[in-house]
């Protein structure tokens, strides 16, 4: 497989993951993703922003989130996220520290 085809396939897989999380399963909470998988939608938006910045494209955290979420993050959060109980919040703090650290 040539590099361009690989890049196109990787991009298609990323777009399908985004569609799955944003359109097919918006009910899955970010906190549950982080607690189970060690990443969430915010991580994906940050990775997008970091990749843009590495290539000389100026993009802030909020701009990266808006690209990924398709709307301002606060709007998406208000429409889709629910409050998490203390047990989930504690698990999130542990998962965040192990997987993200102080990057987000």
N, C-alpha and C. Protein backbone atom coordinates (compact mmCIF):
# COMPACT_ATOMS: atom_id res chain seq x y z
N UNK A 1 0.86 -1.17 0.00
CA UNK A 1 0.00 0.00 0.00
C UNK A 1 0.90 1.23 0.00
N UNK A 2 0.59 2.18 -0.86
CA UNK A 2 1.40 3.40 -0.90
C UNK A 2 0.98 4.35 0.23
N UNK A 3 1.85 5.32 0.53
CA UNK A 3 1.61 6.22 1.66
C UNK A 3 0.32 7.03 1.51
N UNK A 4 0.04 7.51 0.32
CA UNK A 4 -1.17 8.32 0.13
C UNK A 4 -2.44 7.50 0.39
N UNK A 5 -2.46 6.27 -0.07
CA UNK A 5 -3.61 5.41 0.17
C UNK A 5 -3.76 5.14 1.67
N UNK A 6 -2.64 4.86 2.34
CA UNK A 6 -2.67 4.63 3.80
C UNK A 6 -3.22 5.85 4.52
N UNK A 7 -2.75 7.04 4.15
CA UNK A 7 -3.23 8.28 4.78
C UNK A 7 -4.73 8.44 4.56
N UNK A 8 -5.20 8.17 3.36
CA UNK A 8 -6.62 8.30 3.05
C UNK A 8 -7.46 7.30 3.84
N UNK A 9 -6.97 6.08 3.99
CA UNK A 9 -7.69 5.07 4.76
C UNK A 9 -7.70 5.45 6.24
N UNK A 10 -6.57 5.92 6.76
CA UNK A 10 -6.53 6.36 8.16
C UNK A 10 -7.48 7.53 8.39
N UNK A 11 -7.52 8.47 7.46
CA UNK A 11 -8.44 9.62 7.58
C UNK A 11 -9.89 9.15 7.54
N UNK A 12 -10.20 8.20 6.68
CA UNK A 12 -11.56 7.67 6.60
C UNK A 12 -11.95 6.97 7.90
N UNK A 13 -11.01 6.23 8.48
CA UNK A 13 -11.30 5.55 9.75
C UNK A 13 -11.53 6.58 10.86
N UNK A 14 -10.75 7.65 10.89
CA UNK A 14 -10.95 8.71 11.87
C UNK A 14 -12.33 9.35 11.69
N UNK A 15 -12.70 9.65 10.45
CA UNK A 15 -14.01 10.26 10.20
C UNK A 15 -15.14 9.33 10.63
N UNK A 16 -14.96 8.03 10.43
CA UNK A 16 -15.99 7.06 10.84
C UNK A 16 -16.08 6.97 12.35
N UNK A 17 -14.93 7.02 13.05
CA UNK A 17 -14.94 7.04 14.51
C UNK A 17 -15.66 8.28 15.01
N UNK A 18 -15.36 9.43 14.41
CA UNK A 18 -16.03 10.67 14.79
C UNK A 18 -17.54 10.55 14.57
N UNK A 19 -17.95 10.04 13.41
CA UNK A 19 -19.38 9.88 13.14
C UNK A 19 -20.02 8.97 14.17
N UNK A 20 -19.35 7.88 14.51
CA UNK A 20 -19.90 6.94 15.48
C UNK A 20 -20.12 7.62 16.82
N UNK A 21 -19.11 8.37 17.29
CA UNK A 21 -19.22 9.02 18.60
C UNK A 21 -20.15 10.22 18.60
N UNK A 22 -20.21 10.94 17.50
CA UNK A 22 -20.98 12.19 17.47
C UNK A 22 -22.42 11.98 17.00
N UNK A 23 -22.63 11.07 16.07
CA UNK A 23 -23.96 10.90 15.48
C UNK A 23 -24.64 9.61 15.91
N UNK A 24 -23.90 8.51 15.86
CA UNK A 24 -24.50 7.22 16.18
C UNK A 24 -24.68 7.02 17.68
N UNK A 25 -23.72 7.51 18.49
CA UNK A 25 -23.75 7.26 19.93
C UNK A 25 -23.44 8.51 20.76
N UNK A 26 -24.17 9.61 20.53
CA UNK A 26 -23.94 10.79 21.36
C UNK A 26 -24.35 10.55 22.82
N UNK A 27 -25.11 9.48 23.06
CA UNK A 27 -25.54 9.15 24.41
C UNK A 27 -24.39 8.62 25.28
N UNK A 28 -23.34 8.13 24.65
CA UNK A 28 -22.19 7.64 25.42
C UNK A 28 -21.46 8.85 25.98
N UNK A 29 -21.35 8.88 27.27
CA UNK A 29 -20.78 10.04 27.95
C UNK A 29 -19.26 10.06 27.84
N UNK A 30 -18.69 11.26 27.71
CA UNK A 30 -17.23 11.40 27.66
C UNK A 30 -16.57 10.77 28.88
N UNK A 31 -17.17 10.95 30.03
CA UNK A 31 -16.58 10.42 31.26
C UNK A 31 -16.51 8.89 31.21
N UNK A 32 -17.53 8.26 30.61
CA UNK A 32 -17.51 6.80 30.48
C UNK A 32 -16.43 6.36 29.49
N UNK A 33 -16.28 7.11 28.38
CA UNK A 33 -15.21 6.79 27.43
C UNK A 33 -13.84 6.88 28.11
N UNK A 34 -13.61 7.96 28.85
CA UNK A 34 -12.32 8.14 29.52
C UNK A 34 -12.10 7.05 30.55
N UNK A 35 -13.12 6.75 31.32
CA UNK A 35 -12.96 5.75 32.38
C UNK A 35 -12.70 4.35 31.81
N UNK A 36 -13.29 4.03 30.68
CA UNK A 36 -13.13 2.69 30.10
C UNK A 36 -11.97 2.59 29.12
N UNK A 37 -11.78 3.64 28.31
CA UNK A 37 -10.82 3.54 27.22
C UNK A 37 -9.58 4.43 27.39
N UNK A 38 -9.64 5.37 28.33
CA UNK A 38 -8.49 6.24 28.52
C UNK A 38 -8.44 7.41 27.56
N UNK A 39 -9.50 7.62 26.79
CA UNK A 39 -9.61 8.79 25.92
C UNK A 39 -11.09 9.09 25.73
N UNK A 40 -11.37 10.31 25.26
CA UNK A 40 -12.76 10.70 24.99
C UNK A 40 -12.80 11.64 23.80
N UNK A 41 -13.95 12.19 23.52
CA UNK A 41 -14.09 13.11 22.40
C UNK A 41 -13.16 14.32 22.54
N UNK A 42 -13.00 14.80 23.78
CA UNK A 42 -12.11 15.94 23.98
C UNK A 42 -10.67 15.59 23.64
N UNK A 43 -10.26 14.37 23.94
CA UNK A 43 -8.92 13.93 23.56
C UNK A 43 -8.78 13.93 22.04
N UNK A 44 -9.78 13.40 21.35
CA UNK A 44 -9.73 13.38 19.89
C UNK A 44 -9.65 14.79 19.32
N UNK A 45 -10.41 15.71 19.89
CA UNK A 45 -10.35 17.10 19.41
C UNK A 45 -8.99 17.71 19.71
N UNK A 46 -8.39 17.37 20.85
CA UNK A 46 -7.07 17.88 21.19
C UNK A 46 -6.01 17.30 20.25
N UNK A 47 -6.12 16.01 19.94
CA UNK A 47 -5.16 15.41 19.02
C UNK A 47 -5.26 16.06 17.64
N UNK A 48 -6.48 16.40 17.24
CA UNK A 48 -6.70 17.10 15.97
C UNK A 48 -6.00 18.46 16.02
N UNK A 49 -6.23 19.20 17.09
CA UNK A 49 -5.60 20.52 17.27
C UNK A 49 -4.08 20.39 17.27
N UNK A 50 -3.55 19.44 18.00
CA UNK A 50 -2.10 19.26 18.08
C UNK A 50 -1.51 18.93 16.71
N UNK A 51 -2.19 18.08 15.94
CA UNK A 51 -1.72 17.74 14.60
C UNK A 51 -1.74 18.98 13.70
N UNK A 52 -2.76 19.80 13.82
CA UNK A 52 -2.82 21.04 13.04
C UNK A 52 -1.66 21.95 13.42
N UNK A 53 -1.46 22.14 14.72
CA UNK A 53 -0.38 23.02 15.20
C UNK A 53 0.99 22.51 14.74
N UNK A 54 1.20 21.21 14.77
CA UNK A 54 2.47 20.63 14.33
C UNK A 54 2.75 20.90 12.86
N UNK A 55 1.68 21.11 12.10
CA UNK A 55 1.82 21.38 10.67
C UNK A 55 1.74 22.87 10.35
N UNK A 56 1.84 23.70 11.40
CA UNK A 56 1.85 25.15 11.20
C UNK A 56 0.49 25.79 11.05
N UNK A 57 -0.57 25.03 11.32
CA UNK A 57 -1.92 25.57 11.27
C UNK A 57 -2.28 26.04 12.67
N UNK A 58 -2.47 27.34 12.84
CA UNK A 58 -2.82 27.89 14.14
C UNK A 58 -4.23 27.44 14.52
N UNK A 59 -4.36 26.80 15.67
CA UNK A 59 -5.66 26.33 16.13
C UNK A 59 -5.64 26.28 17.64
N UNK A 60 -6.62 26.90 18.27
CA UNK A 60 -6.72 26.85 19.72
C UNK A 60 -7.47 25.59 20.15
N UNK A 61 -7.44 25.33 21.44
CA UNK A 61 -8.19 24.21 22.00
C UNK A 61 -9.68 24.33 21.65
N UNK A 62 -10.25 25.52 21.84
CA UNK A 62 -11.67 25.71 21.53
C UNK A 62 -11.96 25.54 20.05
N UNK A 63 -11.06 26.01 19.19
CA UNK A 63 -11.26 25.83 17.75
C UNK A 63 -11.18 24.36 17.37
N UNK A 64 -10.26 23.62 17.97
CA UNK A 64 -10.16 22.18 17.70
C UNK A 64 -11.43 21.46 18.13
N UNK A 65 -11.95 21.84 19.28
CA UNK A 65 -13.19 21.22 19.75
C UNK A 65 -14.35 21.54 18.82
N UNK A 66 -14.42 22.79 18.35
CA UNK A 66 -15.53 23.16 17.46
C UNK A 66 -15.45 22.39 16.15
N UNK A 67 -14.23 22.20 15.63
CA UNK A 67 -14.09 21.40 14.41
C UNK A 67 -14.56 19.97 14.68
N UNK A 68 -14.10 19.38 15.78
CA UNK A 68 -14.46 17.99 16.07
C UNK A 68 -15.94 17.82 16.39
N UNK A 69 -16.47 18.68 17.25
CA UNK A 69 -17.86 18.56 17.68
C UNK A 69 -18.86 19.08 16.63
N UNK A 70 -18.38 19.90 15.70
CA UNK A 70 -19.27 20.46 14.69
C UNK A 70 -20.09 21.62 15.21
N UNK A 71 -19.75 22.10 16.38
CA UNK A 71 -20.44 23.21 17.05
C UNK A 71 -19.59 23.59 18.26
N UNK A 72 -19.86 24.73 18.86
CA UNK A 72 -19.12 25.04 20.09
C UNK A 72 -19.31 23.92 21.12
N UNK A 73 -18.23 23.59 21.80
CA UNK A 73 -18.27 22.48 22.76
C UNK A 73 -19.35 22.68 23.81
N UNK A 74 -19.50 23.89 24.33
CA UNK A 74 -20.51 24.15 25.36
C UNK A 74 -21.91 23.80 24.88
N UNK A 75 -22.20 24.05 23.61
CA UNK A 75 -23.52 23.73 23.05
C UNK A 75 -23.70 22.21 23.02
N UNK A 76 -22.68 21.51 22.50
CA UNK A 76 -22.78 20.05 22.43
C UNK A 76 -22.92 19.46 23.83
N UNK A 77 -22.10 19.96 24.75
CA UNK A 77 -22.15 19.45 26.13
C UNK A 77 -23.53 19.64 26.73
N UNK A 78 -24.11 20.82 26.55
CA UNK A 78 -25.44 21.09 27.10
C UNK A 78 -26.51 20.19 26.48
N UNK A 79 -26.33 19.83 25.23
CA UNK A 79 -27.31 18.98 24.54
C UNK A 79 -27.15 17.49 24.85
N UNK A 80 -25.93 17.07 25.21
CA UNK A 80 -25.66 15.63 25.27
C UNK A 80 -25.10 15.09 26.57
N UNK A 81 -24.41 15.89 27.33
CA UNK A 81 -23.75 15.37 28.52
C UNK A 81 -24.69 15.44 29.72
N UNK A 82 -24.54 14.47 30.61
CA UNK A 82 -25.31 14.44 31.84
C UNK A 82 -24.35 14.54 33.02
N UNK A 83 -24.88 14.86 34.16
CA UNK A 83 -24.05 14.95 35.37
C UNK A 83 -23.55 13.57 35.77
N UNK A 84 -22.32 13.52 36.20
CA UNK A 84 -21.73 12.26 36.65
C UNK A 84 -21.67 12.25 38.17
N UNK A 85 -21.95 11.10 38.74
CA UNK A 85 -21.89 10.95 40.18
C UNK A 85 -20.47 10.92 40.70
N UNK A 86 -20.31 10.96 42.00
CA UNK A 86 -18.98 11.00 42.62
C UNK A 86 -18.09 9.82 42.25
N UNK A 87 -18.67 8.63 42.12
CA UNK A 87 -17.87 7.44 41.78
C UNK A 87 -17.27 7.57 40.38
N UNK A 88 -18.08 8.02 39.41
CA UNK A 88 -17.58 8.22 38.05
C UNK A 88 -16.55 9.34 38.01
N UNK A 89 -16.78 10.40 38.79
CA UNK A 89 -15.84 11.52 38.80
C UNK A 89 -14.49 11.09 39.37
N UNK A 90 -14.51 10.26 40.41
CA UNK A 90 -13.26 9.76 40.99
C UNK A 90 -12.52 8.87 39.99
N UNK A 91 -13.26 8.00 39.31
CA UNK A 91 -12.64 7.14 38.30
C UNK A 91 -12.07 7.98 37.16
N UNK A 92 -12.78 9.06 36.81
CA UNK A 92 -12.30 9.95 35.76
C UNK A 92 -10.99 10.61 36.16
N UNK A 93 -10.89 11.09 37.37
CA UNK A 93 -9.66 11.74 37.83
C UNK A 93 -8.47 10.78 37.69
N UNK A 94 -8.68 9.53 38.04
CA UNK A 94 -7.62 8.52 37.93
C UNK A 94 -7.28 8.26 36.46
N UNK A 95 -8.31 8.04 35.63
CA UNK A 95 -8.09 7.76 34.20
C UNK A 95 -7.44 8.95 33.51
N UNK A 96 -7.88 10.15 33.86
CA UNK A 96 -7.32 11.35 33.25
C UNK A 96 -5.84 11.48 33.60
N UNK A 97 -5.51 11.31 34.87
CA UNK A 97 -4.11 11.41 35.31
C UNK A 97 -3.23 10.37 34.63
N UNK A 98 -3.75 9.17 34.44
CA UNK A 98 -2.98 8.09 33.83
C UNK A 98 -2.82 8.25 32.34
N UNK A 99 -3.82 8.84 31.68
CA UNK A 99 -3.84 8.86 30.21
C UNK A 99 -3.60 10.22 29.58
N UNK A 100 -3.92 11.27 30.29
CA UNK A 100 -3.83 12.61 29.71
C UNK A 100 -2.85 13.48 30.47
N UNK A 101 -2.87 13.37 31.78
CA UNK A 101 -2.02 14.23 32.59
C UNK A 101 -2.52 15.65 32.58
N UNK A 102 -1.64 16.59 32.47
CA UNK A 102 -2.01 18.01 32.54
C UNK A 102 -2.16 18.64 31.17
N UNK A 103 -2.40 17.84 30.12
CA UNK A 103 -2.49 18.36 28.76
C UNK A 103 -3.83 19.02 28.46
N UNK A 104 -4.90 18.66 29.15
CA UNK A 104 -6.24 19.14 28.78
C UNK A 104 -6.76 20.12 29.78
